[in-house]
Amino acid sequence: MPKSPKENLLEQDRFELKAKSGGGLLSYEVWGYVEKSVTVVTRCNLAYINHSIYQGDNGRVLGFDNAHGYHHRHHLGNVEAVEFENYAAIAERFQQEWLEIVNQMRGKKP
């Protein structure tokens, strides 16, 4: 039986957003491995944290992760399962949704 490749931290970034950009913090943590020049994501945790919008869930306004054995979305304390195509699709959805939240908070239409 082939041995599974060793999982490594592929990306870990935190961006503090200025008030004019909505404030808060964006956090990206991605784990996986590279096999035959292909990156395989095994775990991810993407979060938009802003205590001025939401105080519950440690300030996590929006998040996507696959902890607890399934892919799911956090939004203002609610958790729902999401379909996982690939990491790029989840990262794109996260980007679009946090921008939409910020625009709504600033009174702008998406």
PDB file of N, CA and C in Angstrom:
ATOM      1  N   MET A   1       0.848  -1.178   0.000  1.00  0.00           N
ATOM      2  CA  MET A   1       0.000   0.000   0.000  1.00  0.00           C
ATOM      3  C   MET A   1       0.893   1.241   0.000  1.00  0.00           C
ATOM      4  N   PRO A   2       0.660   2.197  -0.946  1.00  0.00           N
ATOM      5  CA  PRO A   2       1.520   3.379  -1.013  1.00  0.00           C
ATOM      6  C   PRO A   2       1.339   4.274   0.211  1.00  0.00           C
ATOM      7  N   LYS A   3       2.446   4.854   0.628  1.00  0.00           N
ATOM      8  CA  LYS A   3       2.432   5.751   1.775  1.00  0.00           C
ATOM      9  C   LYS A   3       1.917   7.121   1.345  1.00  0.00           C
ATOM     10  N   SER A   4       1.054   7.737   2.175  1.00  0.00           N
ATOM     11  CA  SER A   4       0.540   9.080   1.875  1.00  0.00           C
ATOM     12  C   SER A   4       1.667  10.093   2.001  1.00  0.00           C
ATOM     13  N   PRO A   5       1.691  11.085   1.103  1.00  0.00           N
ATOM     14  CA  PRO A   5       2.712  12.136   1.212  1.00  0.00           C
ATOM     15  C   PRO A   5       2.538  12.921   2.518  1.00  0.00           C
ATOM     16  N   LYS A   6       3.630  13.480   2.996  1.00  0.00           N
ATOM     17  CA  LYS A   6       3.591  14.258   4.229  1.00  0.00           C
ATOM     18  C   LYS A   6       2.879  15.589   3.981  1.00  0.00           C
ATOM     19  N   GLU A   7       1.932  15.877   4.838  1.00  0.00           N
ATOM     20  CA  GLU A   7       1.184  17.133   4.768  1.00  0.00           C
ATOM     21  C   GLU A   7       2.052  18.264   5.316  1.00  0.00           C
ATOM     22  N   ASN A   8       2.082  19.390   4.608  1.00  0.00           N
ATOM     23  CA  ASN A   8       2.856  20.562   5.007  1.00  0.00           C
ATOM     24  C   ASN A   8       1.977  21.799   4.980  1.00  0.00           C
ATOM     25  N   LEU A   9       2.383  22.812   5.733  1.00  0.00           N
ATOM     26  CA  LEU A   9       1.716  24.103   5.675  1.00  0.00           C
ATOM     27  C   LEU A   9       2.121  24.769   4.367  1.00  0.00           C
ATOM     28  N   LEU A  10       1.149  24.987   3.475  1.00  0.00           N
ATOM     29  CA  LEU A  10       1.424  25.563   2.158  1.00  0.00           C
ATOM     30  C   LEU A  10       1.296  27.082   2.159  1.00  0.00           C
ATOM     31  N   GLU A  11       0.381  27.595   2.972  1.00  0.00           N
ATOM     32  CA  GLU A  11       0.149  29.043   3.003  1.00  0.00           C
ATOM     33  C   GLU A  11      -0.376  29.418   4.377  1.00  0.00           C
ATOM     34  N   GLN A  12       0.135  30.510   4.900  1.00  0.00           N
ATOM     35  CA  GLN A  12      -0.384  31.064   6.150  1.00  0.00           C
ATOM     36  C   GLN A  12      -0.199  32.570   6.071  1.00  0.00           C
ATOM     37  N   ASP A  13      -1.298  33.266   5.856  1.00  0.00           N
ATOM     38  CA  ASP A  13      -1.254  34.716   5.709  1.00  0.00           C
ATOM     39  C   ASP A  13      -2.315  35.361   6.567  1.00  0.00           C
ATOM     40  N   ARG A  14      -2.002  36.551   7.074  1.00  0.00           N
ATOM     41  CA  ARG A  14      -2.961  37.362   7.820  1.00  0.00           C
ATOM     42  C   ARG A  14      -2.843  38.784   7.300  1.00  0.00           C
ATOM     43  N   PHE A  15      -3.968  39.366   6.975  1.00  0.00           N
ATOM     44  CA  PHE A  15      -3.994  40.726   6.457  1.00  0.00           C
ATOM     45  C   PHE A  15      -4.907  41.573   7.328  1.00  0.00           C
ATOM     46  N   GLU A  16      -4.348  42.615   7.925  1.00  0.00           N
ATOM     47  CA  GLU A  16      -5.154  43.550   8.696  1.00  0.00           C
ATOM     48  C   GLU A  16      -5.708  44.574   7.726  1.00  0.00           C
ATOM     49  N   LEU A  17      -7.038  44.709   7.737  1.00  0.00           N
ATOM     50  CA  LEU A  17      -7.703  45.613   6.804  1.00  0.00           C
ATOM     51  C   LEU A  17      -7.907  46.982   7.440  1.00  0.00           C
ATOM     52  N   LYS A  18      -7.612  48.022   6.693  1.00  0.00           N
ATOM     53  CA  LYS A  18      -7.859  49.385   7.160  1.00  0.00           C
ATOM     54  C   LYS A  18      -9.366  49.617   7.211  1.00  0.00           C
ATOM     55  N   ALA A  19      -9.786  50.582   8.003  1.00  0.00           N
ATOM     56  CA  ALA A  19     -11.212  50.873   8.178  1.00  0.00           C
ATOM     57  C   ALA A  19     -11.904  51.142   6.842  1.00  0.00           C
ATOM     58  N   LYS A  20     -11.230  51.857   5.925  1.00  0.00           N
ATOM     59  CA  LYS A  20     -11.857  52.155   4.634  1.00  0.00           C
ATOM     60  C   LYS A  20     -12.049  50.904   3.779  1.00  0.00           C
ATOM     61  N   SER A  21     -11.347  49.812   4.132  1.00  0.00           N
ATOM     62  CA  SER A  21     -11.512  48.530   3.437  1.00  0.00           C
ATOM     63  C   SER A  21     -12.407  47.578   4.222  1.00  0.00           C
ATOM     64  N   GLY A  22     -13.092  48.104   5.237  1.00  0.00           N
ATOM     65  CA  GLY A  22     -14.013  47.286   6.012  1.00  0.00           C
ATOM     66  C   GLY A  22     -13.524  46.936   7.396  1.00  0.00           C
ATOM     67  N   GLY A  23     -12.230  47.121   7.639  1.00  0.00           N
ATOM     68  CA  GLY A  23     -11.663  46.789   8.938  1.00  0.00           C
ATOM     69  C   GLY A  23     -11.620  45.289   9.163  1.00  0.00           C
ATOM     70  N   GLY A  24     -11.017  44.900  10.244  1.00  0.00           N
ATOM     71  CA  GLY A  24     -10.942  43.487  10.586  1.00  0.00           C
ATOM     72  C   GLY A  24      -9.686  42.827  10.065  1.00  0.00           C
ATOM     73  N   LEU A  25      -9.771  41.514   9.927  1.00  0.00           N
ATOM     74  CA  LEU A  25      -8.618  40.697   9.599  1.00  0.00           C
ATOM     75  C   LEU A  25      -9.025  39.574   8.660  1.00  0.00           C
ATOM     76  N   LEU A  26      -8.222  39.341   7.646  1.00  0.00           N
ATOM     77  CA  LEU A  26      -8.383  38.179   6.772  1.00  0.00           C
ATOM     78  C   LEU A  26      -7.293  37.188   7.134  1.00  0.00           C
ATOM     79  N   SER A  27      -7.675  35.929   7.296  1.00  0.00           N
ATOM     80  CA  SER A  27      -6.729  34.892   7.676  1.00  0.00           C
ATOM     81  C   SER A  27      -6.861  33.713   6.719  1.00  0.00           C
ATOM     82  N   TYR A  28      -5.717  33.255   6.205  1.00  0.00           N
ATOM     83  CA  TYR A  28      -5.662  32.115   5.281  1.00  0.00           C
ATOM     84  C   TYR A  28      -4.679  31.100   5.836  1.00  0.00           C
ATOM     85  N   GLU A  29      -5.123  29.858   5.979  1.00  0.00           N
ATOM     86  CA  GLU A  29      -4.237  28.774   6.386  1.00  0.00           C
ATOM     87  C   GLU A  29      -4.573  27.566   5.507  1.00  0.00           C
ATOM     88  N   VAL A  30      -3.565  27.085   4.786  1.00  0.00           N
ATOM     89  CA  VAL A  30      -3.774  25.999   3.818  1.00  0.00           C
ATOM     90  C   VAL A  30      -2.702  24.936   4.028  1.00  0.00           C
ATOM     91  N   TRP A  31      -3.136  23.674   4.154  1.00  0.00           N
ATOM     92  CA  TRP A  31      -2.250  22.534   4.345  1.00  0.00           C
ATOM     93  C   TRP A  31      -2.395  21.576   3.178  1.00  0.00           C
ATOM     94  N   GLY A  32      -1.329  20.874   2.848  1.00  0.00           N
ATOM     95  CA  GLY A  32      -1.389  19.887   1.784  1.00  0.00           C
ATOM     96  C   GLY A  32      -0.008  19.409   1.395  1.00  0.00           C
ATOM     97  N   TYR A  33       0.118  18.991   0.144  1.00  0.00           N
ATOM     98  CA  TYR A  33       1.396  18.477  -0.351  1.00  0.00           C
ATOM     99  C   TYR A  33       1.437  18.645  -1.867  1.00  0.00           C
ATOM    100  N   VAL A  34       2.624  18.524  -2.415  1.00  0.00           N
ATOM    101  CA  VAL A  34       2.831  18.583  -3.865  1.00  0.00           C
ATOM    102  C   VAL A  34       3.264  17.202  -4.317  1.00  0.00           C
ATOM    103  N   GLU A  35       2.550  16.695  -5.316  1.00  0.00           N
ATOM    104  CA  GLU A  35       2.866  15.378  -5.850  1.00  0.00           C
ATOM    105  C   GLU A  35       2.867  15.462  -7.373  1.00  0.00           C
ATOM    106  N   LYS A  36       3.993  15.128  -7.966  1.00  0.00           N
ATOM    107  CA  LYS A  36       4.151  15.177  -9.427  1.00  0.00           C
ATOM    108  C   LYS A  36       3.745  16.559  -9.967  1.00  0.00           C
ATOM    109  N   SER A  37       4.250  17.600  -9.326  1.00  0.00           N
ATOM    110  CA  SER A  37       4.020  19.005  -9.709  1.00  0.00           C
ATOM    111  C   SER A  37       2.578  19.465  -9.533  1.00  0.00           C
ATOM    112  N   VAL A  38       1.758  18.695  -8.843  1.00  0.00           N
ATOM    113  CA  VAL A  38       0.368  19.074  -8.580  1.00  0.00           C
ATOM    114  C   VAL A  38       0.209  19.319  -7.083  1.00  0.00           C
ATOM    115  N   THR A  39      -0.344  20.482  -6.728  1.00  0.00           N
ATOM    116  CA  THR A  39      -0.592  20.807  -5.331  1.00  0.00           C
ATOM    117  C   THR A  39      -1.926  20.212  -4.913  1.00  0.00           C
ATOM    118  N   VAL A  40      -1.900  19.431  -3.840  1.00  0.00           N
ATOM    119  CA  VAL A  40      -3.105  18.811  -3.297  1.00  0.00           C
ATOM    120  C   VAL A  40      -3.373  19.444  -1.934  1.00  0.00           C
ATOM    121  N   VAL A  41      -4.516  20.134  -1.804  1.00  0.00           N
ATOM    122  CA  VAL A  41      -4.892  20.765  -0.544  1.00  0.00           C
ATOM    123  C   VAL A  41      -5.666  19.746   0.287  1.00  0.00           C
ATOM    124  N   THR A  42      -5.200  19.517   1.500  1.00  0.00           N
ATOM    125  CA  THR A  42      -5.868  18.563   2.386  1.00  0.00           C
ATOM    126  C   THR A  42      -6.706  19.254   3.461  1.00  0.00           C
ATOM    127  N   ARG A  43      -6.268  20.429   3.888  1.00  0.00           N
ATOM    128  CA  ARG A  43      -7.002  21.188   4.904  1.00  0.00           C
ATOM    129  C   ARG A  43      -6.896  22.667   4.582  1.00  0.00           C
ATOM    130  N   CYS A  44      -7.951  23.402   4.919  1.00  0.00           N
ATOM    131  CA  CYS A  44      -7.891  24.849   4.755  1.00  0.00           C
ATOM    132  C   CYS A  44      -8.764  25.517   5.815  1.00  0.00           C
ATOM    133  N   ASN A  45      -8.410  26.744   6.130  1.00  0.00           N
ATOM    134  CA  ASN A  45      -9.168  27.547   7.071  1.00  0.00           C
ATOM    135  C   ASN A  45      -9.057  28.990   6.600  1.00  0.00           C
ATOM    136  N   LEU A  46     -10.145  29.528   6.073  1.00  0.00           N
ATOM    137  CA  LEU A  46     -10.191  30.903   5.588  1.00  0.00           C
ATOM    138  C   LEU A  46     -11.168  31.657   6.477  1.00  0.00           C
ATOM    139  N   ALA A  47     -10.784  32.832   6.957  1.00  0.00           N
ATOM    140  CA  ALA A  47     -11.661  33.548   7.877  1.00  0.00           C
ATOM    141  C   ALA A  47     -11.570  35.053   7.682  1.00  0.00           C
ATOM    142  N   TYR A  48     -12.741  35.699   7.799  1.00  0.00           N
ATOM    143  CA  TYR A  48     -12.834  37.157   7.894  1.00  0.00           C
ATOM    144  C   TYR A  48     -13.292  37.435   9.316  1.00  0.00           C
ATOM    145  N   ILE A  49     -12.437  38.084  10.089  1.00  0.00           N
ATOM    146  CA  ILE A  49     -12.706  38.357  11.500  1.00  0.00           C
ATOM    147  C   ILE A  49     -12.855  39.856  11.678  1.00  0.00           C
ATOM    148  N   ASN A  50     -13.980  40.251  12.278  1.00  0.00           N
ATOM    149  CA  ASN A  50     -14.211  41.668  12.525  1.00  0.00           C
ATOM    150  C   ASN A  50     -15.149  41.782  13.718  1.00  0.00           C
ATOM    151  N   HIS A  51     -14.588  42.091  14.881  1.00  0.00           N
ATOM    152  CA  HIS A  51     -15.368  42.170  16.119  1.00  0.00           C
ATOM    153  C   HIS A  51     -16.376  43.308  16.113  1.00  0.00           C
ATOM    154  N   SER A  52     -16.197  44.301  15.266  1.00  0.00           N
ATOM    155  CA  SER A  52     -17.182  45.389  15.209  1.00  0.00           C
ATOM    156  C   SER A  52     -18.442  44.980  14.440  1.00  0.00           C
ATOM    157  N   ILE A  53     -18.361  43.908  13.655  1.00  0.00           N
ATOM    158  CA  ILE A  53     -19.531  43.392  12.934  1.00  0.00           C
ATOM    159  C   ILE A  53     -20.193  42.273  13.729  1.00  0.00           C
ATOM    160  N   TYR A  54     -19.363  41.379  14.300  1.00  0.00           N
ATOM    161  CA  TYR A  54     -19.896  40.210  15.006  1.00  0.00           C
ATOM    162  C   TYR A  54     -18.963  39.840  16.151  1.00  0.00           C
ATOM    163  N   GLN A  55     -19.528  39.715  17.350  1.00  0.00           N
ATOM    164  CA  GLN A  55     -18.699  39.422  18.523  1.00  0.00           C
ATOM    165  C   GLN A  55     -18.638  37.920  18.830  1.00  0.00           C
ATOM    166  N   GLY A  56     -19.595  37.140  18.365  1.00  0.00           N
ATOM    167  CA  GLY A  56     -19.593  35.703  18.612  1.00  0.00           C
ATOM    168  C   GLY A  56     -18.515  35.008  17.794  1.00  0.00           C
ATOM    169  N   ASP A  57     -18.306  33.726  18.074  1.00  0.00           N
ATOM    170  CA  ASP A  57     -17.382  32.893  17.291  1.00  0.00           C
ATOM    171  C   ASP A  57     -16.014  33.550  17.145  1.00  0.00           C
ATOM    172  N   ASN A  58     -15.546  34.187  18.220  1.00  0.00           N
ATOM    173  CA  ASN A  58     -14.250  34.895  18.227  1.00  0.00           C
ATOM    174  C   ASN A  58     -14.156  35.962  17.145  1.00  0.00           C
ATOM    175  N   GLY A  59     -15.281  36.563  16.788  1.00  0.00           N
ATOM    176  CA  GLY A  59     -15.297  37.639  15.798  1.00  0.00           C
ATOM    177  C   GLY A  59     -15.328  37.161  14.363  1.00  0.00           C
ATOM    178  N   ARG A  60     -15.462  35.855  14.152  1.00  0.00           N
ATOM    179  CA  ARG A  60     -15.468  35.323  12.777  1.00  0.00           C
ATOM    180  C   ARG A  60     -16.802  35.654  12.123  1.00  0.00           C
ATOM    181  N   VAL A  61     -16.757  36.594  11.199  1.00  0.00           N
ATOM    182  CA  VAL A  61     -17.931  37.004  10.443  1.00  0.00           C
ATOM    183  C   VAL A  61     -18.211  35.964   9.355  1.00  0.00           C
ATOM    184  N   LEU A  62     -17.159  35.524   8.692  1.00  0.00           N
ATOM    185  CA  LEU A  62     -17.270  34.576   7.586  1.00  0.00           C
ATOM    186  C   LEU A  62     -16.068  33.646   7.628  1.00  0.00           C
ATOM    187  N   GLY A  63     -16.302  32.391   7.329  1.00  0.00           N
ATOM    188  CA  GLY A  63     -15.190  31.454   7.272  1.00  0.00           C
ATOM    189  C   GLY A  63     -15.542  30.209   6.489  1.00  0.00           C
ATOM    190  N   PHE A  64     -14.531  29.610   5.908  1.00  0.00           N
ATOM    191  CA  PHE A  64     -14.660  28.325   5.223  1.00  0.00           C
ATOM    192  C   PHE A  64     -13.560  27.433   5.745  1.00  0.00           C
ATOM    193  N   ASP A  65     -13.906  26.195   6.103  1.00  0.00           N
ATOM    194  CA  ASP A  65     -12.881  25.248   6.518  1.00  0.00           C
ATOM    195  C   ASP A  65     -13.397  23.826   6.339  1.00  0.00           C
ATOM    196  N   ASN A  66     -12.508  22.879   6.577  1.00  0.00           N
ATOM    197  CA  ASN A  66     -12.905  21.479   6.472  1.00  0.00           C
ATOM    198  C   ASN A  66     -12.519  20.717   7.732  1.00  0.00           C
ATOM    199  N   ALA A  67     -12.586  21.392   8.866  1.00  0.00           N
ATOM    200  CA  ALA A  67     -12.377  20.727  10.143  1.00  0.00           C
ATOM    201  C   ALA A  67     -13.585  19.843  10.434  1.00  0.00           C
ATOM    202  N   HIS A  68     -13.449  18.949  11.350  1.00  0.00           N
ATOM    203  CA  HIS A  68     -14.549  18.074  11.778  1.00  0.00           C
ATOM    204  C   HIS A  68     -15.009  17.118  10.685  1.00  0.00           C
ATOM    205  N   GLY A  69     -14.161  16.891   9.671  1.00  0.00           N
ATOM    206  CA  GLY A  69     -14.450  15.870   8.676  1.00  0.00           C
ATOM    207  C   GLY A  69     -15.348  16.273   7.520  1.00  0.00           C
ATOM    208  N   TYR A  70     -15.697  17.556   7.401  1.00  0.00           N
ATOM    209  CA  TYR A  70     -16.495  17.983   6.257  1.00  0.00           C
ATOM    210  C   TYR A  70     -16.238  19.461   5.944  1.00  0.00           C
ATOM    211  N   HIS A  71     -16.512  19.841   4.705  1.00  0.00           N
ATOM    212  CA  HIS A  71     -16.334  21.229   4.272  1.00  0.00           C
ATOM    213  C   HIS A  71     -17.565  22.022   4.698  1.00  0.00           C
ATOM    214  N   HIS A  72     -17.313  23.173   5.310  1.00  0.00           N
ATOM    215  CA  HIS A  72     -18.439  23.977   5.766  1.00  0.00           C
ATOM    216  C   HIS A  72     -18.107  25.465   5.778  1.00  0.00           C
ATOM    217  N   ARG A  73     -19.171  26.234   5.891  1.00  0.00           N
ATOM    218  CA  ARG A  73     -19.110  27.694   5.857  1.00  0.00           C
ATOM    219  C   ARG A  73     -19.658  28.226   7.174  1.00  0.00           C
ATOM    220  N   HIS A  74     -18.954  29.183   7.755  1.00  0.00           N
ATOM    221  CA  HIS A  74     -19.407  29.892   8.950  1.00  0.00           C
ATOM    222  C   HIS A  74     -19.855  31.281   8.494  1.00  0.00           C
ATOM    223  N   HIS A  75     -21.003  31.721   8.979  1.00  0.00           N
ATOM    224  CA  HIS A  75     -21.456  33.083   8.702  1.00  0.00           C
ATOM    225  C   HIS A  75     -22.246  33.574   9.902  1.00  0.00           C
ATOM    226  N   LEU A  76     -21.682  34.532  10.623  1.00  0.00           N
ATOM    227  CA  LEU A  76     -22.325  35.132  11.785  1.00  0.00           C
ATOM    228  C   LEU A  76     -22.853  34.075  12.752  1.00  0.00           C
ATOM    229  N   GLY A  77     -22.048  33.072  13.029  1.00  0.00           N
ATOM    230  CA  GLY A  77     -22.400  32.047  13.998  1.00  0.00           C
ATOM    231  C   GLY A  77     -23.144  30.846  13.454  1.00  0.00           C
ATOM    232  N   ASN A  78     -23.624  30.933  12.225  1.00  0.00           N
ATOM    233  CA  ASN A  78     -24.312  29.803  11.603  1.00  0.00           C
ATOM    234  C   ASN A  78     -23.304  28.975  10.809  1.00  0.00           C
ATOM    235  N   VAL A  79     -23.488  27.659  10.817  1.00  0.00           N
ATOM    236  CA  VAL A  79     -22.596  26.756  10.101  1.00  0.00           C
ATOM    237  C   VAL A  79     -23.422  25.914   9.150  1.00  0.00           C
ATOM    238  N   GLU A  80     -22.961  25.833   7.890  1.00  0.00           N
ATOM    239  CA  GLU A  80     -23.656  25.009   6.905  1.00  0.00           C
ATOM    240  C   GLU A  80     -22.634  24.273   6.049  1.00  0.00           C
ATOM    241  N   ALA A  81     -22.970  23.058   5.661  1.00  0.00           N
ATOM    242  CA  ALA A  81     -22.094  22.278   4.785  1.00  0.00           C
ATOM    243  C   ALA A  81     -22.037  22.937   3.415  1.00  0.00           C
ATOM    244  N   VAL A  82     -20.876  22.856   2.774  1.00  0.00           N
ATOM    245  CA  VAL A  82     -20.720  23.379   1.416  1.00  0.00           C
ATOM    246  C   VAL A  82     -20.096  22.298   0.542  1.00  0.00           C
ATOM    247  N   GLU A  83     -20.422  22.358  -0.730  1.00  0.00           N
ATOM    248  CA  GLU A  83     -19.836  21.424  -1.682  1.00  0.00           C
ATOM    249  C   GLU A  83     -18.415  21.880  -1.994  1.00  0.00           C
ATOM    250  N   PHE A  84     -17.500  20.944  -2.021  1.00  0.00           N
ATOM    251  CA  PHE A  84     -16.108  21.259  -2.276  1.00  0.00           C
ATOM    252  C   PHE A  84     -15.717  20.755  -3.657  1.00  0.00           C
ATOM    253  N   GLU A  85     -15.427  21.693  -4.564  1.00  0.00           N
ATOM    254  CA  GLU A  85     -14.881  21.335  -5.884  1.00  0.00           C
ATOM    255  C   GLU A  85     -13.365  21.248  -5.791  1.00  0.00           C
ATOM    256  N   ASN A  86     -12.794  22.369  -5.332  1.00  0.00           N
ATOM    257  CA  ASN A  86     -11.352  22.466  -5.151  1.00  0.00           C
ATOM    258  C   ASN A  86     -11.054  23.703  -4.307  1.00  0.00           C
ATOM    259  N   TYR A  87      -9.822  23.803  -3.860  1.00  0.00           N
ATOM    260  CA  TYR A  87      -9.462  24.928  -3.001  1.00  0.00           C
ATOM    261  C   TYR A  87      -9.627  26.267  -3.721  1.00  0.00           C
ATOM    262  N   ALA A  88      -9.246  26.342  -4.976  1.00  0.00           N
ATOM    263  CA  ALA A  88      -9.344  27.608  -5.721  1.00  0.00           C
ATOM    264  C   ALA A  88     -10.778  28.122  -5.742  1.00  0.00           C
ATOM    265  N   ALA A  89     -11.745  27.234  -5.914  1.00  0.00           N
ATOM    266  CA  ALA A  89     -13.155  27.643  -5.945  1.00  0.00           C
ATOM    267  C   ALA A  89     -13.607  28.149  -4.580  1.00  0.00           C
ATOM    268  N   ILE A  90     -13.178  27.480  -3.511  1.00  0.00           N
ATOM    269  CA  ILE A  90     -13.546  27.923  -2.160  1.00  0.00           C
ATOM    270  C   ILE A  90     -12.891  29.270  -1.853  1.00  0.00           C
ATOM    271  N   ALA A  91     -11.637  29.443  -2.232  1.00  0.00           N
ATOM    272  CA  ALA A  91     -10.939  30.711  -1.992  1.00  0.00           C
ATOM    273  C   ALA A  91     -11.611  31.847  -2.756  1.00  0.00           C
ATOM    274  N   GLU A  92     -12.039  31.599  -3.983  1.00  0.00           N
ATOM    275  CA  GLU A  92     -12.736  32.611  -4.785  1.00  0.00           C
ATOM    276  C   GLU A  92     -14.078  32.967  -4.150  1.00  0.00           C
ATOM    277  N   ARG A  93     -14.821  31.956  -3.698  1.00  0.00           N
ATOM    278  CA  ARG A  93     -16.111  32.217  -3.045  1.00  0.00           C
ATOM    279  C   ARG A  93     -15.904  33.032  -1.770  1.00  0.00           C
ATOM    280  N   PHE A  94     -14.900  32.684  -0.985  1.00  0.00           N
ATOM    281  CA  PHE A  94     -14.589  33.430   0.232  1.00  0.00           C
ATOM    282  C   PHE A  94     -14.300  34.889  -0.091  1.00  0.00           C
ATOM    283  N   GLN A  95     -13.472  35.115  -1.099  1.00  0.00           N
ATOM    284  CA  GLN A  95     -13.111  36.472  -1.514  1.00  0.00           C
ATOM    285  C   GLN A  95     -14.350  37.279  -1.899  1.00  0.00           C
ATOM    286  N   GLN A  96     -15.201  36.704  -2.717  1.00  0.00           N
ATOM    287  CA  GLN A  96     -16.415  37.390  -3.158  1.00  0.00           C
ATOM    288  C   GLN A  96     -17.342  37.696  -1.989  1.00  0.00           C
ATOM    289  N   GLU A  97     -17.509  36.730  -1.086  1.00  0.00           N
ATOM    290  CA  GLU A  97     -18.449  36.915   0.020  1.00  0.00           C
ATOM    291  C   GLU A  97     -17.967  37.935   1.039  1.00  0.00           C
ATOM    292  N   TRP A  98     -16.669  37.953   1.374  1.00  0.00           N
ATOM    293  CA  TRP A  98     -16.238  38.943   2.357  1.00  0.00           C
ATOM    294  C   TRP A  98     -16.292  40.348   1.761  1.00  0.00           C
ATOM    295  N   LEU A  99     -16.004  40.463   0.462  1.00  0.00           N
ATOM    296  CA  LEU A  99     -16.139  41.777  -0.177  1.00  0.00           C
ATOM    297  C   LEU A  99     -17.598  42.241  -0.192  1.00  0.00           C
ATOM    298  N   GLU A 100     -18.506  41.327  -0.420  1.00  0.00           N
ATOM    299  CA  GLU A 100     -19.937  41.654  -0.401  1.00  0.00           C
ATOM    300  C   GLU A 100     -20.359  42.119   0.998  1.00  0.00           C
ATOM    301  N   ILE A 101     -19.886  41.451   2.036  1.00  0.00           N
ATOM    302  CA  ILE A 101     -20.202  41.844   3.410  1.00  0.00           C
ATOM    303  C   ILE A 101     -19.685  43.247   3.686  1.00  0.00           C
ATOM    304  N   VAL A 102     -18.444  43.516   3.307  1.00  0.00           N
ATOM    305  CA  VAL A 102     -17.856  44.837   3.530  1.00  0.00           C
ATOM    306  C   VAL A 102     -18.629  45.907   2.765  1.00  0.00           C
ATOM    307  N   ASN A 103     -18.968  45.641   1.517  1.00  0.00           N
ATOM    308  CA  ASN A 103     -19.731  46.613   0.727  1.00  0.00           C
ATOM    309  C   ASN A 103     -21.107  46.872   1.327  1.00  0.00           C
ATOM    310  N   GLN A 104     -21.762  45.834   1.829  1.00  0.00           N
ATOM    311  CA  GLN A 104     -23.058  46.020   2.480  1.00  0.00           C
ATOM    312  C   GLN A 104     -22.913  46.868   3.739  1.00  0.00           C
ATOM    313  N   MET A 105     -21.874  46.641   4.501  1.00  0.00           N
ATOM    314  CA  MET A 105     -21.648  47.414   5.730  1.00  0.00           C
ATOM    315  C   MET A 105     -21.378  48.881   5.405  1.00  0.00           C
ATOM    316  N   ARG A 106     -20.778  49.139   4.270  1.00  0.00           N
ATOM    317  CA  ARG A 106     -20.504  50.523   3.864  1.00  0.00           C
ATOM    318  C   ARG A 106     -21.657  51.118   3.073  1.00  0.00           C
ATOM    319  N   GLY A 107     -22.726  50.340   2.880  1.00  0.00           N
ATOM    320  CA  GLY A 107     -23.905  50.848   2.202  1.00  0.00           C
ATOM    321  C   GLY A 107     -23.806  50.825   0.691  1.00  0.00           C
ATOM    322  N   LYS A 108     -22.896  50.039   0.151  1.00  0.00           N
ATOM    323  CA  LYS A 108     -22.736  49.963  -1.298  1.00  0.00           C
ATOM    324  C   LYS A 108     -23.399  48.695  -1.817  1.00  0.00           C
ATOM    325  N   LYS A 109     -23.874  48.745  -3.016  1.00  0.00           N
ATOM    326  CA  LYS A 109     -24.438  47.564  -3.662  1.00  0.00           C
ATOM    327  C   LYS A 109     -23.274  46.763  -4.284  1.00  0.00           C
ATOM    328  N   PRO A 110     -23.370  45.412  -4.250  1.00  0.00           N
ATOM    329  CA  PRO A 110     -22.298  44.611  -4.848  1.00  0.00           C
ATOM    330  C   PRO A 110     -22.200  44.770  -6.338  1.00  0.00           C
TER     331      PRO A 110
END
